[in-house]
Amino acid sequence: MILPLRVDATEQPATPNNAVDVSLSRVSKSFGARSVLRDVDLFVERGEFVALVGRSGCGKSTLLRLIAGLETPTAGSIAIDAQPLAGVNAWARMMFQDSRLLPWLRVAENVAIGQRPGRAWSVDEALAKVGLADRGRDWPATLSGGQRQRVALARALIGHPPLLLLDEPLGATDALTRIEMQSLIYSLWKNQPCTAILVTHDIEEAVMLADRVVVLEQGSIRDEFQVNIPRPRDRADGSFSRLSQRLLERVLRSR
């Protein structure tokens, strides 16, 4: 078993000198006659870890795709470090629920796709960071689902991106792998300064990872919760369970 990385309770996140801030102003998105997002205003500070939660179909993944530059707003504007976003977001790397590894490339070759000149770990370093130092020559088909997601994480982080976008990256993993990957994502974010935005249906995952949790309802931001719980967070802690319960109740009240 690959054990999750552990973060000392006295440590604080590194200074986010490689991170960017993200600003959305009155962003709306429609697909034909169907309105998915309506007048979204959101500011994510550099180095912040924000989670987006809400019922299925509330617009979470569409919002993340807009920030990635994979979709264009119907109205409103998006800026990265005060620079208007036009086209694909060059500051960002994105990780999906499906690892999206290329089956005709070996593990190391898949990771190398994410490299950026002058700002990267080596492929070997990236694989070591995610606990797969000895799997670089293997084919993706020989890996478990959790291992493939580790490769996808290495590919996303190898170029030290200022912005990490996570679209339900652990939704298809088993419970134990999910907990291990949450620990790994937090540890890598803490030690490699970047801004992170996570879409998740898992309320505890949002509380475990995020500095702030944003609740979407019918395409609009309806609520926000600050997560003022010391790291590393313990699910058995009373403050963790109380905030998780409050957040769950808020999402259940949404339409």
Protein backbone atom coordinates (compact mmCIF):
# COMPACT_ATOMS: atom_id res chain seq x y z
CA MET A 1 0.00 0.00 0.00
CA ILE A 2 1.20 3.52 -0.76
CA LEU A 3 0.78 5.59 2.37
CA PRO A 4 -0.41 9.20 2.04
CA LEU A 5 2.08 11.97 2.65
CA ARG A 6 1.84 13.45 6.14
CA VAL A 7 2.02 17.16 6.89
CA ASP A 8 3.27 18.38 10.25
CA ALA A 9 0.62 20.29 12.22
CA THR A 10 2.98 23.19 12.90
CA GLU A 11 3.73 23.83 9.23
CA GLN A 12 1.97 26.48 7.17
CA PRO A 13 1.49 26.61 3.39
CA ALA A 14 4.47 27.96 1.52
CA THR A 15 4.42 31.57 0.33
CA PRO A 16 2.35 31.52 -2.89
CA ASN A 17 4.93 33.30 -5.08
CA ASN A 18 4.01 31.11 -8.05
CA ALA A 19 0.25 31.42 -7.54
CA VAL A 20 -2.25 33.66 -9.31
CA ASP A 21 -5.55 35.20 -8.31
CA VAL A 22 -8.75 34.48 -10.23
CA SER A 23 -11.56 36.99 -10.68
CA LEU A 24 -14.99 36.37 -12.20
CA SER A 25 -17.31 39.32 -12.74
CA ARG A 26 -21.01 38.75 -13.53
CA VAL A 27 -20.19 35.60 -15.48
CA SER A 28 -23.10 33.84 -17.18
CA LYS A 29 -23.13 30.80 -19.44
CA SER A 30 -25.92 29.42 -21.61
CA PHE A 31 -26.03 26.50 -24.00
CA GLY A 32 -28.72 27.47 -26.49
CA ALA A 33 -31.85 28.27 -24.49
CA ARG A 34 -30.54 26.55 -21.34
CA SER A 35 -28.98 28.86 -18.78
CA VAL A 36 -26.30 27.10 -16.71
CA LEU A 37 -24.60 30.00 -14.85
CA ARG A 38 -26.07 33.38 -13.92
CA ASP A 39 -24.17 36.50 -12.88
CA VAL A 40 -21.41 34.71 -10.95
CA ASP A 41 -19.03 36.95 -9.02
CA LEU A 42 -16.09 35.11 -7.47
CA PHE A 43 -12.62 36.10 -6.37
CA VAL A 44 -10.01 33.49 -5.45
CA GLU A 45 -6.88 34.87 -3.81
CA ARG A 46 -3.44 33.72 -4.90
CA GLY A 47 -2.47 30.58 -3.02
CA GLU A 48 -6.03 29.93 -1.81
CA PHE A 49 -7.67 26.49 -2.02
CA VAL A 50 -11.38 26.87 -2.84
CA ALA A 51 -13.94 24.08 -3.19
CA LEU A 52 -17.16 24.36 -5.22
CA VAL A 53 -20.08 22.22 -4.04
CA GLY A 54 -23.76 21.88 -4.89
CA ARG A 55 -26.30 19.53 -6.37
CA SER A 56 -25.71 17.87 -9.74
CA GLY A 57 -26.42 20.27 -12.58
CA CYS A 58 -25.86 23.44 -10.55
CA GLY A 59 -23.02 24.59 -12.84
CA LYS A 60 -19.88 23.61 -10.89
CA SER A 61 -18.02 21.88 -13.70
CA THR A 62 -19.09 24.48 -16.24
CA LEU A 63 -17.65 27.18 -13.99
CA LEU A 64 -14.36 25.30 -13.77
CA ARG A 65 -14.25 24.85 -17.56
CA LEU A 66 -14.78 28.59 -18.01
CA ILE A 67 -11.83 29.30 -15.71
CA ALA A 68 -9.77 26.78 -17.70
CA GLY A 69 -10.69 28.58 -20.91
CA LEU A 70 -12.33 25.44 -22.31
CA GLU A 71 -15.64 27.31 -22.57
CA THR A 72 -16.35 30.99 -23.25
CA PRO A 73 -18.74 33.01 -21.04
CA THR A 74 -21.99 34.10 -22.63
CA ALA A 75 -21.67 37.29 -20.56
CA GLY A 76 -19.27 38.72 -17.98
CA SER A 77 -15.50 38.48 -17.72
CA ILE A 78 -12.74 36.34 -16.21
CA ALA A 79 -9.30 37.66 -15.27
CA ILE A 80 -6.14 35.94 -14.07
CA ASP A 81 -3.90 38.29 -12.08
CA ALA A 82 -5.98 41.16 -13.52
CA GLN A 83 -5.25 39.98 -17.08
CA PRO A 84 -8.41 39.22 -19.12
CA LEU A 85 -8.68 35.55 -19.99
CA ALA A 86 -8.93 34.91 -23.72
CA GLY A 87 -8.78 31.35 -25.00
CA VAL A 88 -7.23 28.44 -23.09
CA ASN A 89 -5.90 29.44 -19.67
CA ALA A 90 -2.09 29.19 -19.95
CA TRP A 91 -1.72 29.55 -16.16
CA ALA A 92 -3.81 26.46 -15.42
CA ARG A 93 -3.55 22.70 -15.39
CA MET A 94 -6.69 20.62 -15.00
CA MET A 95 -7.34 17.20 -13.52
CA PHE A 96 -10.57 15.32 -14.31
CA GLN A 97 -12.50 12.42 -12.78
CA ASP A 98 -11.16 10.27 -15.62
CA SER A 99 -7.35 10.22 -15.62
CA ARG A 100 -7.33 10.71 -19.42
CA LEU A 101 -3.98 9.02 -19.88
CA LEU A 102 -2.96 8.25 -23.45
CA PRO A 103 -2.90 4.43 -23.65
CA TRP A 104 -0.25 4.33 -26.40
CA LEU A 105 2.24 6.23 -24.20
CA ARG A 106 4.05 4.83 -21.19
CA VAL A 107 3.48 6.34 -17.74
CA ALA A 108 6.56 8.58 -17.91
CA GLU A 109 5.61 9.82 -21.37
CA ASN A 110 2.12 10.71 -20.13
CA VAL A 111 3.60 12.71 -17.26
CA ALA A 112 6.05 14.50 -19.58
CA ILE A 113 3.13 16.02 -21.50
CA GLY A 114 2.65 18.47 -18.62
CA GLN A 115 6.23 19.78 -18.56
CA ARG A 116 6.99 23.47 -19.08
CA PRO A 117 10.51 24.65 -19.96
CA GLY A 118 12.48 25.94 -17.00
CA ARG A 119 9.76 25.43 -14.38
CA ALA A 120 9.44 21.70 -13.95
CA TRP A 121 10.37 18.77 -11.85
CA SER A 122 11.92 15.99 -13.89
CA VAL A 123 9.52 13.20 -14.81
CA ASP A 124 11.26 10.94 -12.28
CA GLU A 125 10.80 13.54 -9.54
CA ALA A 126 7.11 13.98 -10.40
CA LEU A 127 6.47 10.25 -10.26
CA ALA A 128 8.34 9.99 -6.96
CA LYS A 129 6.18 12.79 -5.53
CA VAL A 130 3.04 10.75 -6.17
CA GLY A 131 4.53 7.46 -4.99
CA LEU A 132 5.09 5.86 -8.41
CA ALA A 133 8.85 6.16 -8.82
CA ASP A 134 9.15 2.63 -10.20
CA ARG A 135 6.27 2.74 -12.71
CA GLY A 136 7.57 5.10 -15.38
CA ARG A 137 8.16 2.38 -17.98
CA ASP A 138 4.75 0.75 -17.43
CA TRP A 139 1.70 1.12 -19.66
CA PRO A 140 -1.37 2.89 -18.19
CA ALA A 141 -3.46 -0.27 -18.63
CA THR A 142 -1.33 -2.07 -16.00
CA LEU A 143 -2.18 0.49 -13.30
CA SER A 144 -5.10 0.54 -10.88
CA GLY A 145 -7.62 3.37 -11.07
CA GLY A 146 -6.02 5.11 -8.10
CA GLN A 147 -2.56 4.80 -9.62
CA ARG A 148 -3.79 6.28 -12.90
CA GLN A 149 -5.13 9.27 -10.96
CA ARG A 150 -1.71 9.66 -9.31
CA VAL A 151 -0.16 9.78 -12.79
CA ALA A 152 -2.72 12.41 -13.82
CA LEU A 153 -1.82 14.45 -10.72
CA ALA A 154 1.89 14.21 -11.54
CA ARG A 155 1.16 15.34 -15.09
CA ALA A 156 -0.87 18.31 -13.81
CA LEU A 157 1.78 19.43 -11.32
CA ILE A 158 5.07 18.68 -13.12
CA GLY A 159 5.19 22.14 -14.69
CA HIS A 160 4.53 23.92 -11.36
CA PRO A 161 1.30 25.54 -12.63
CA PRO A 162 0.15 28.73 -10.88
CA LEU A 163 -3.45 27.44 -11.01
CA LEU A 164 -4.62 23.86 -10.40
CA LEU A 165 -8.20 23.00 -11.41
CA LEU A 166 -9.66 19.77 -10.04
CA ASP A 167 -12.93 18.50 -11.51
CA GLU A 168 -14.13 15.62 -9.30
CA PRO A 169 -10.68 14.01 -9.57
CA LEU A 170 -11.43 11.38 -6.93
CA GLY A 171 -15.06 10.67 -7.78
CA ALA A 172 -14.34 7.24 -9.27
CA THR A 173 -11.88 6.01 -6.63
CA ASP A 174 -12.62 3.67 -3.73
CA ALA A 175 -12.92 5.07 -0.20
CA LEU A 176 -9.38 4.25 0.96
CA THR A 177 -7.74 5.53 -2.22
CA ARG A 178 -9.83 8.70 -1.97
CA ILE A 179 -8.54 9.44 1.54
CA GLU A 180 -4.95 8.74 0.47
CA MET A 181 -5.29 10.97 -2.59
CA GLN A 182 -6.80 13.80 -0.54
CA SER A 183 -3.72 13.71 1.70
CA LEU A 184 -1.45 13.64 -1.34
CA ILE A 185 -3.19 16.55 -3.09
CA TYR A 186 -3.02 18.67 0.06
CA SER A 187 0.64 17.86 0.68
CA LEU A 188 1.65 18.70 -2.89
CA TRP A 189 -0.39 21.94 -2.85
CA LYS A 190 1.19 22.95 0.44
CA ASN A 191 4.74 22.34 -0.74
CA GLN A 192 4.31 23.63 -4.30
CA PRO A 193 2.68 27.07 -4.12
CA CYS A 194 -0.33 27.42 -6.40
CA THR A 195 -3.96 28.46 -6.37
CA ALA A 196 -6.36 25.49 -6.38
CA ILE A 197 -10.06 25.22 -7.23
CA LEU A 198 -11.82 21.90 -6.58
CA VAL A 199 -15.24 20.74 -7.79
CA THR A 200 -16.59 17.94 -5.62
CA HIS A 201 -19.83 16.27 -4.51
CA ASP A 202 -18.08 15.02 -1.36
CA ILE A 203 -18.76 17.48 1.48
CA GLU A 204 -16.08 16.02 3.75
CA GLU A 205 -13.55 16.23 0.91
CA ALA A 206 -14.33 19.94 0.52
CA VAL A 207 -13.86 20.55 4.25
CA MET A 208 -10.70 18.42 4.34
CA LEU A 209 -8.93 20.30 1.53
CA ALA A 210 -10.32 23.81 1.17
CA ASP A 211 -9.73 27.15 2.84
CA ARG A 212 -13.19 28.20 1.66
CA VAL A 213 -16.21 26.28 0.35
CA VAL A 214 -18.54 27.96 -2.16
CA VAL A 215 -22.11 26.66 -2.57
CA LEU A 216 -23.71 26.88 -6.02
CA GLU A 217 -27.44 26.61 -6.52
CA GLN A 218 -29.19 26.77 -9.89
CA GLY A 219 -26.19 28.42 -11.54
CA SER A 220 -25.53 31.09 -8.91
CA ILE A 221 -23.35 31.37 -5.81
CA ARG A 222 -25.69 31.19 -2.81
CA ASP A 223 -23.38 30.78 0.17
CA GLU A 224 -19.76 30.55 1.32
CA PHE A 225 -18.15 28.83 4.30
CA GLN A 226 -14.69 29.63 5.65
CA VAL A 227 -12.87 26.52 6.86
CA ASN A 228 -11.05 27.80 9.93
CA ILE A 229 -9.84 24.38 11.06
CA PRO A 230 -6.10 23.82 11.68
CA ARG A 231 -4.29 21.52 9.28
CA PRO A 232 -3.81 18.60 9.00
CA ARG A 233 -7.54 18.07 9.57
CA ASP A 234 -9.03 15.16 11.45
CA ARG A 235 -12.46 13.83 10.46
CA ALA A 236 -13.03 12.75 14.06
CA ASP A 237 -12.59 16.33 15.31
CA GLY A 238 -15.81 17.97 16.49
CA SER A 239 -15.26 21.19 14.53
CA PHE A 240 -14.71 19.17 11.33
CA SER A 241 -17.91 17.16 11.75
CA ARG A 242 -19.97 20.21 12.73
CA LEU A 243 -18.89 22.22 9.70
CA SER A 244 -19.43 19.22 7.41
CA GLN A 245 -22.94 18.81 8.79
CA ARG A 246 -23.76 22.52 8.36
CA LEU A 247 -22.49 22.44 4.81
CA LEU A 248 -24.40 19.25 3.99
CA GLU A 249 -27.61 20.72 5.36
CA ARG A 250 -27.07 23.86 3.29
CA VAL A 251 -26.60 21.86 0.08
CA LEU A 252 -29.65 19.70 0.85
CA ARG A 253 -31.76 22.85 1.20
CA SER A 254 -30.81 23.96 -2.31
CA ARG A 255 -33.19 23.35 -5.19
